[in-house]
Amino acid sequence: MTTIPMTQAAADIRGQVGRVFVGQEEFLRQALVCLFAGGHALIEGVPGLGKTLAVRALARAVGVEFKRVQFTPDMMPSDLIGANIFDLGTSAFHLKRGPLFTQFLLADEVNRTPPKTQSALLEAMEESRLSIDGQDYELTQPFMVFATQNPVEFEGTYPLPEAQLDRFMMKLVVGYPTRTEEDAVLRRTHAGFRSSDFGPVEMTAVIDGPGILDCRRQAEAVRVEDSLFAYILDIVEATRRHRHILLGGSPRASITLLKCAKASALLEGRDFVIPEDVQSLAAPVLRHRLMLTPDAEMEGVTPDRLIAQVLSGVRVPR
């Protein structure tokens, strides 16, 4: 496909996704930021909000190879990455590739499988490659994991370990739709829409893998003033000093916030970052990286509330 500006690509993608997925504009914007910043996204929400539908629609709109894995309590790492199988006919081993060999992976209900299997995602998410029996396999770029999970207070779930959470660039929270949005969903369903196959709606890919990589290069070229570097550092350092936060943001959190702010600026048609880019993405970038003190958890304090406090206490650069 012909290279197009990231702003136009994002608008075209939103248009295609909107043909099958109603509302949740901020969620979709954050997903696009994560896509063009080159990271992975953890999506949390109660069942039935369309998390899986949204990711499937996004994959269709960007025209890359897509696979979906339903995580279950009995899943093994080899079910995800694959294994070498002995072929009696050739008397040799050959690799049976698992679903991780793709470009867009939807890890559906990732917190319903034990940590041993969750950890199989770590190397792929961090290095875009897999090791099977000592042999390294590079994954095709762009490679991105969208993992959905239900809140941990629901039965039959396994909280993701901190090392796993830190591999996700952003944690996106999907809430209930507005009454108008839900009315639109009902009317589409009444008219024959099927979420399983998008029928009878037709979607068109508006970009491809090389196009996504080009958009990421465009985002990397966005200008950042010295005061914005300091602003990002002030925010992340404040999470490490907050009395209700046991474990604050790491240097990876600072890097991630910078990358996301640059992608956000380009989505808005700017080639430079402003404080609002950083502020709008502080919560999705930091909320899954903070470990609260036991007292804060007992008081019902949420990471988003603490991030808001941090933002209000950090001087905003002009």
Protein backbone atom coordinates (compact mmCIF):
# COMPACT_ATOMS: atom_id res chain seq x y z
CA MET A 1 0.00 0.00 0.00
CA THR A 2 1.04 3.60 -0.51
CA THR A 3 2.50 5.35 2.51
CA ILE A 4 0.03 7.75 4.12
CA PRO A 5 0.36 10.26 6.99
CA MET A 6 -0.39 8.75 10.38
CA THR A 7 -3.19 11.23 11.04
CA GLN A 8 -5.02 10.09 7.91
CA ALA A 9 -4.29 6.42 8.63
CA ALA A 10 -5.78 6.75 12.13
CA ALA A 11 -8.90 8.47 10.79
CA ASP A 12 -9.39 5.77 8.15
CA ILE A 13 -8.91 3.00 10.73
CA ARG A 14 -11.44 4.62 13.06
CA GLY A 15 -13.92 4.81 10.21
CA GLN A 16 -13.58 1.12 9.41
CA VAL A 17 -13.70 -0.02 13.05
CA GLY A 18 -16.76 2.17 13.60
CA ARG A 19 -18.65 0.10 11.05
CA VAL A 20 -18.81 -2.78 13.53
CA PHE A 21 -17.83 -1.35 16.93
CA VAL A 22 -19.95 1.39 18.48
CA GLY A 23 -18.65 4.20 20.68
CA GLN A 24 -15.73 3.93 23.15
CA GLU A 25 -13.90 6.72 21.31
CA GLU A 26 -11.25 7.28 24.00
CA PHE A 27 -10.54 3.57 24.25
CA LEU A 28 -10.08 3.36 20.48
CA ARG A 29 -7.83 6.44 20.48
CA GLN A 30 -5.61 4.91 23.15
CA ALA A 31 -5.47 1.63 21.21
CA LEU A 32 -4.28 3.52 18.13
CA VAL A 33 -1.65 5.35 20.20
CA CYS A 34 -0.38 1.98 21.42
CA LEU A 35 -0.38 0.59 17.88
CA PHE A 36 1.63 3.49 16.44
CA ALA A 37 3.94 3.75 19.46
CA GLY A 38 4.94 0.11 18.95
CA GLY A 39 3.69 -1.51 22.15
CA HIS A 40 1.27 -4.07 23.51
CA ALA A 41 -2.07 -3.39 25.18
CA LEU A 42 -3.85 -4.98 28.11
CA ILE A 43 -7.61 -4.43 27.92
CA GLU A 44 -9.70 -4.81 31.06
CA GLY A 45 -13.45 -4.82 31.42
CA VAL A 46 -16.35 -6.96 32.54
CA PRO A 47 -17.67 -9.58 30.09
CA GLY A 48 -19.88 -8.51 27.24
CA LEU A 49 -18.45 -5.06 26.45
CA GLY A 50 -17.06 -5.95 23.01
CA LYS A 51 -13.35 -6.15 23.86
CA THR A 52 -12.77 -9.07 21.51
CA LEU A 53 -14.88 -7.50 18.77
CA ALA A 54 -12.90 -4.26 18.95
CA VAL A 55 -9.53 -6.00 18.54
CA ARG A 56 -10.78 -8.19 15.70
CA ALA A 57 -12.14 -5.13 13.93
CA LEU A 58 -8.86 -3.25 14.42
CA ALA A 59 -6.87 -6.17 12.99
CA ARG A 60 -9.17 -6.29 9.95
CA ALA A 61 -8.78 -2.53 9.40
CA VAL A 62 -4.96 -2.63 9.44
CA GLY A 63 -4.68 -5.68 7.19
CA VAL A 64 -2.20 -7.82 9.12
CA GLU A 65 -2.13 -11.50 10.02
CA PHE A 66 -4.37 -12.06 13.03
CA LYS A 67 -4.85 -14.95 15.43
CA ARG A 68 -6.96 -15.33 18.53
CA VAL A 69 -6.20 -17.57 21.50
CA GLN A 70 -8.76 -18.34 24.17
CA PHE A 71 -6.76 -18.75 27.36
CA THR A 72 -7.91 -21.54 29.69
CA PRO A 73 -6.69 -22.94 33.04
CA ASP A 74 -5.26 -26.09 31.39
CA MET A 75 -3.30 -24.34 28.63
CA MET A 76 0.43 -25.15 28.38
CA PRO A 77 3.23 -22.90 27.04
CA SER A 78 3.68 -25.19 24.03
CA ASP A 79 0.04 -24.55 23.11
CA LEU A 80 1.04 -20.94 22.60
CA ILE A 81 4.55 -21.02 21.10
CA GLY A 82 4.50 -24.43 19.40
CA ALA A 83 6.86 -27.42 19.60
CA ASN A 84 9.19 -29.61 17.56
CA ILE A 85 7.35 -32.74 16.43
CA PHE A 86 9.08 -35.94 15.27
CA ASP A 87 8.02 -36.99 11.77
CA LEU A 88 8.19 -40.77 11.34
CA GLY A 89 8.15 -40.42 7.56
CA THR A 90 11.26 -38.26 7.36
CA SER A 91 12.84 -39.38 10.66
CA ALA A 92 13.35 -35.74 11.56
CA PHE A 93 11.88 -33.11 13.81
CA HIS A 94 9.88 -30.26 12.33
CA LEU A 95 8.42 -27.22 14.01
CA LYS A 96 4.70 -27.02 14.53
CA ARG A 97 4.24 -23.30 15.03
CA GLY A 98 1.88 -22.05 17.69
CA PRO A 99 -0.49 -19.09 17.41
CA LEU A 100 2.21 -16.70 18.68
CA PHE A 101 3.65 -16.81 15.16
CA THR A 102 1.47 -14.01 13.88
CA GLN A 103 1.40 -10.20 13.71
CA PHE A 104 -1.66 -9.39 15.82
CA LEU A 105 -2.35 -11.79 18.67
CA LEU A 106 -5.55 -11.52 20.66
CA ALA A 107 -4.87 -13.20 24.01
CA ASP A 108 -8.46 -13.49 25.12
CA GLU A 109 -9.01 -13.64 28.89
CA VAL A 110 -5.28 -13.90 29.52
CA ASN A 111 -5.83 -13.95 33.28
CA ARG A 112 -7.68 -17.27 33.08
CA THR A 113 -4.48 -19.24 32.47
CA PRO A 114 -1.77 -19.98 35.09
CA PRO A 115 1.40 -17.84 35.34
CA LYS A 116 3.53 -20.55 33.71
CA THR A 117 1.65 -20.09 30.46
CA GLN A 118 1.32 -16.33 30.85
CA SER A 119 5.13 -16.14 31.05
CA ALA A 120 5.41 -17.71 27.59
CA LEU A 121 4.39 -14.31 26.25
CA LEU A 122 7.29 -12.48 27.92
CA GLU A 123 10.08 -13.07 25.40
CA ALA A 124 7.81 -12.51 22.42
CA MET A 125 6.48 -9.23 23.82
CA GLU A 126 9.89 -7.88 24.82
CA GLU A 127 12.13 -9.08 21.97
CA SER A 128 9.70 -10.05 19.17
CA ARG A 129 11.20 -13.51 18.97
CA LEU A 130 10.70 -16.99 20.40
CA SER A 131 13.10 -19.67 21.60
CA ILE A 132 12.08 -23.28 21.02
CA ASP A 133 14.53 -26.04 22.00
CA GLY A 134 17.43 -23.59 21.82
CA GLN A 135 16.52 -22.24 18.39
CA ASP A 136 15.52 -18.57 17.99
CA TYR A 137 12.69 -17.57 15.68
CA GLU A 138 12.07 -13.94 14.72
CA LEU A 139 8.46 -12.79 14.64
CA THR A 140 7.14 -10.86 11.65
CA GLN A 141 6.87 -7.12 12.24
CA PRO A 142 4.72 -5.42 13.27
CA PHE A 143 4.03 -7.81 16.15
CA MET A 144 1.50 -6.72 18.75
CA VAL A 145 -0.33 -8.45 21.59
CA PHE A 146 -3.78 -7.35 22.66
CA ALA A 147 -4.64 -9.19 25.87
CA THR A 148 -8.09 -8.97 27.41
CA GLN A 149 -8.89 -9.75 31.01
CA ASN A 150 -11.79 -9.62 33.37
CA PRO A 151 -11.29 -7.84 36.71
CA VAL A 152 -9.41 -10.02 39.19
CA GLU A 153 -12.24 -10.11 41.69
CA PHE A 154 -14.12 -12.48 39.39
CA GLU A 155 -13.67 -16.20 40.18
CA GLY A 156 -11.31 -18.42 38.20
CA THR A 157 -8.67 -15.81 37.35
CA TYR A 158 -4.93 -15.52 37.97
CA PRO A 159 -3.50 -12.02 38.54
CA LEU A 160 -0.76 -11.23 36.03
CA PRO A 161 2.74 -11.06 37.61
CA GLU A 162 4.45 -7.67 37.74
CA ALA A 163 7.06 -8.65 35.13
CA GLN A 164 4.28 -9.57 32.72
CA LEU A 165 2.30 -6.39 33.39
CA ASP A 166 5.35 -4.22 32.74
CA ARG A 167 5.61 -5.61 29.20
CA PHE A 168 2.30 -4.01 28.31
CA MET A 169 2.71 -0.47 27.06
CA MET A 170 -0.78 0.51 28.17
CA LYS A 171 -3.66 -0.84 30.20
CA LEU A 172 -6.94 0.21 28.62
CA VAL A 173 -10.14 0.12 30.64
CA VAL A 174 -13.41 -0.45 28.83
CA GLY A 175 -16.52 0.78 30.60
CA TYR A 176 -20.21 0.42 29.91
CA PRO A 177 -21.49 2.19 26.79
CA THR A 178 -23.78 5.18 27.00
CA ARG A 179 -27.47 4.63 26.53
CA THR A 180 -27.26 6.09 23.00
CA GLU A 181 -24.38 3.76 22.09
CA GLU A 182 -26.13 0.71 23.50
CA ASP A 183 -29.28 1.66 21.59
CA ALA A 184 -27.21 1.72 18.40
CA VAL A 185 -25.86 -1.75 19.23
CA LEU A 186 -29.38 -3.10 19.70
CA ARG A 187 -30.57 -1.62 16.42
CA ARG A 188 -27.59 -3.02 14.51
CA THR A 189 -28.23 -6.45 16.00
CA HIS A 190 -31.90 -6.20 15.09
CA ALA A 191 -30.88 -5.36 11.52
CA GLY A 192 -28.85 -8.58 11.27
CA PHE A 193 -25.35 -7.68 12.43
CA ARG A 194 -23.34 -10.67 13.70
CA SER A 195 -20.27 -9.99 15.81
CA SER A 196 -18.82 -13.42 15.02
CA ASP A 197 -18.18 -12.63 11.34
CA PHE A 198 -19.04 -8.92 11.03
CA GLY A 199 -21.95 -9.88 8.80
CA PRO A 200 -23.44 -8.28 6.84
CA VAL A 201 -20.89 -5.44 7.21
CA GLU A 202 -17.87 -5.38 4.90
CA MET A 203 -14.59 -3.99 6.20
CA THR A 204 -11.62 -2.85 4.13
CA ALA A 205 -7.98 -2.77 5.19
CA VAL A 206 -6.79 0.84 4.98
CA ILE A 207 -3.13 0.16 5.80
CA ASP A 208 -0.73 -2.80 5.92
CA GLY A 209 2.24 -3.99 7.96
CA PRO A 210 4.86 -1.81 6.23
CA GLY A 211 2.45 1.12 6.49
CA ILE A 212 2.19 0.65 10.26
CA LEU A 213 5.99 0.54 10.56
CA ASP A 214 6.21 3.74 8.52
CA CYS A 215 3.69 5.43 10.85
CA ARG A 216 5.83 4.39 13.80
CA ARG A 217 8.84 6.04 12.17
CA GLN A 218 6.76 9.19 11.73
CA ALA A 219 5.95 9.12 15.46
CA GLU A 220 9.60 8.69 16.37
CA ALA A 221 10.41 11.93 14.53
CA VAL A 222 8.03 14.06 16.64
CA ARG A 223 9.84 16.88 18.47
CA VAL A 224 10.06 16.99 22.27
CA GLU A 225 11.24 20.07 24.17
CA ASP A 226 13.56 19.74 27.16
CA SER A 227 10.78 20.91 29.48
CA LEU A 228 8.62 17.95 28.39
CA PHE A 229 11.40 15.47 29.20
CA ALA A 230 11.56 17.01 32.67
CA TYR A 231 7.77 16.89 32.98
CA ILE A 232 7.68 13.16 32.24
CA LEU A 233 10.47 12.50 34.72
CA ASP A 234 8.75 14.58 37.41
CA ILE A 235 5.54 12.57 37.01
CA VAL A 236 7.20 9.17 37.16
CA GLU A 237 9.49 10.14 40.04
CA ALA A 238 6.47 11.42 41.98
CA THR A 239 4.90 7.95 41.81
CA ARG A 240 8.01 6.57 43.54
CA ARG A 241 7.65 9.03 46.44
CA HIS A 242 3.89 8.88 46.99
CA ARG A 243 2.98 7.58 50.45
CA HIS A 244 0.25 5.29 49.08
CA ILE A 245 2.45 3.74 46.37
CA LEU A 246 4.74 0.87 47.33
CA LEU A 247 6.26 0.44 43.87
CA GLY A 248 6.29 3.38 41.47
CA GLY A 249 6.97 3.68 37.76
CA SER A 250 10.25 2.28 36.41
CA PRO A 251 12.47 3.82 33.70
CA ARG A 252 10.48 1.70 31.25
CA ALA A 253 7.40 3.64 32.35
CA SER A 254 9.15 6.93 31.52
CA ILE A 255 10.20 5.66 28.10
CA THR A 256 6.71 4.37 27.41
CA LEU A 257 5.07 7.65 28.41
CA LEU A 258 7.42 9.50 26.05
CA LYS A 259 6.67 7.17 23.12
CA CYS A 260 2.94 7.35 23.68
CA ALA A 261 2.97 11.13 23.97
CA LYS A 262 4.79 11.40 20.62
CA ALA A 263 2.27 9.10 18.91
CA SER A 264 -0.59 11.05 20.50
CA ALA A 265 0.78 14.34 19.19
CA LEU A 266 0.95 13.00 15.66
CA LEU A 267 -2.59 11.63 15.91
CA GLU A 268 -3.71 15.17 16.70
CA GLY A 269 -1.88 16.51 13.64
CA ARG A 270 1.10 18.02 15.49
CA ASP A 271 4.81 17.32 15.04
CA PHE A 272 5.60 18.32 18.62
CA VAL A 273 4.53 17.12 22.08
CA ILE A 274 2.56 19.31 24.48
CA PRO A 275 1.79 18.66 28.19
CA GLU A 276 -1.77 17.53 27.35
CA ASP A 277 -0.35 14.58 25.38
CA VAL A 278 1.46 13.40 28.50
CA GLN A 279 -1.48 14.06 30.83
CA SER A 280 -4.03 12.21 28.70
CA LEU A 281 -1.91 9.05 28.66
CA ALA A 282 -0.48 9.02 32.18
CA ALA A 283 -3.26 6.78 33.52
CA PRO A 284 -3.22 4.06 30.81
CA VAL A 285 0.59 3.98 30.87
CA LEU A 286 1.04 3.93 34.65
CA ARG A 287 -2.06 2.34 36.20
CA HIS A 288 -0.85 -1.27 35.82
CA ARG A 289 2.71 -0.46 36.89
CA LEU A 290 1.92 0.90 40.34
CA MET A 291 1.80 -1.33 43.42
CA LEU A 292 -0.25 0.26 46.18
CA THR A 293 0.43 -0.03 49.88
CA PRO A 294 -1.84 -2.38 51.88
CA ASP A 295 -3.37 0.63 53.66
CA ALA A 296 -4.31 2.25 50.36
CA GLU A 297 -5.91 -0.95 49.09
CA MET A 298 -7.89 -1.32 52.31
CA GLU A 299 -9.14 2.25 51.92
CA GLY A 300 -10.28 1.52 48.38
CA VAL A 301 -7.82 3.91 46.76
CA THR A 302 -7.37 3.23 43.03
CA PRO A 303 -4.27 3.70 40.87
CA ASP A 304 -6.16 6.16 38.65
CA ARG A 305 -7.00 8.31 41.65
CA LEU A 306 -3.36 8.38 42.75
CA ILE A 307 -2.19 9.23 39.23
CA ALA A 308 -4.62 12.16 39.21
CA GLN A 309 -3.13 13.32 42.52
CA VAL A 310 0.37 13.06 41.09
CA LEU A 311 -0.56 15.07 38.00
CA SER A 312 -2.15 17.79 40.11
CA GLY A 313 1.01 18.09 42.21
CA VAL A 314 3.52 18.33 39.35
CA ARG A 315 4.23 21.71 37.79
CA VAL A 316 3.05 21.85 34.16
CA PRO A 317 5.64 23.39 31.78
CA ARG A 318 4.59 26.33 29.65
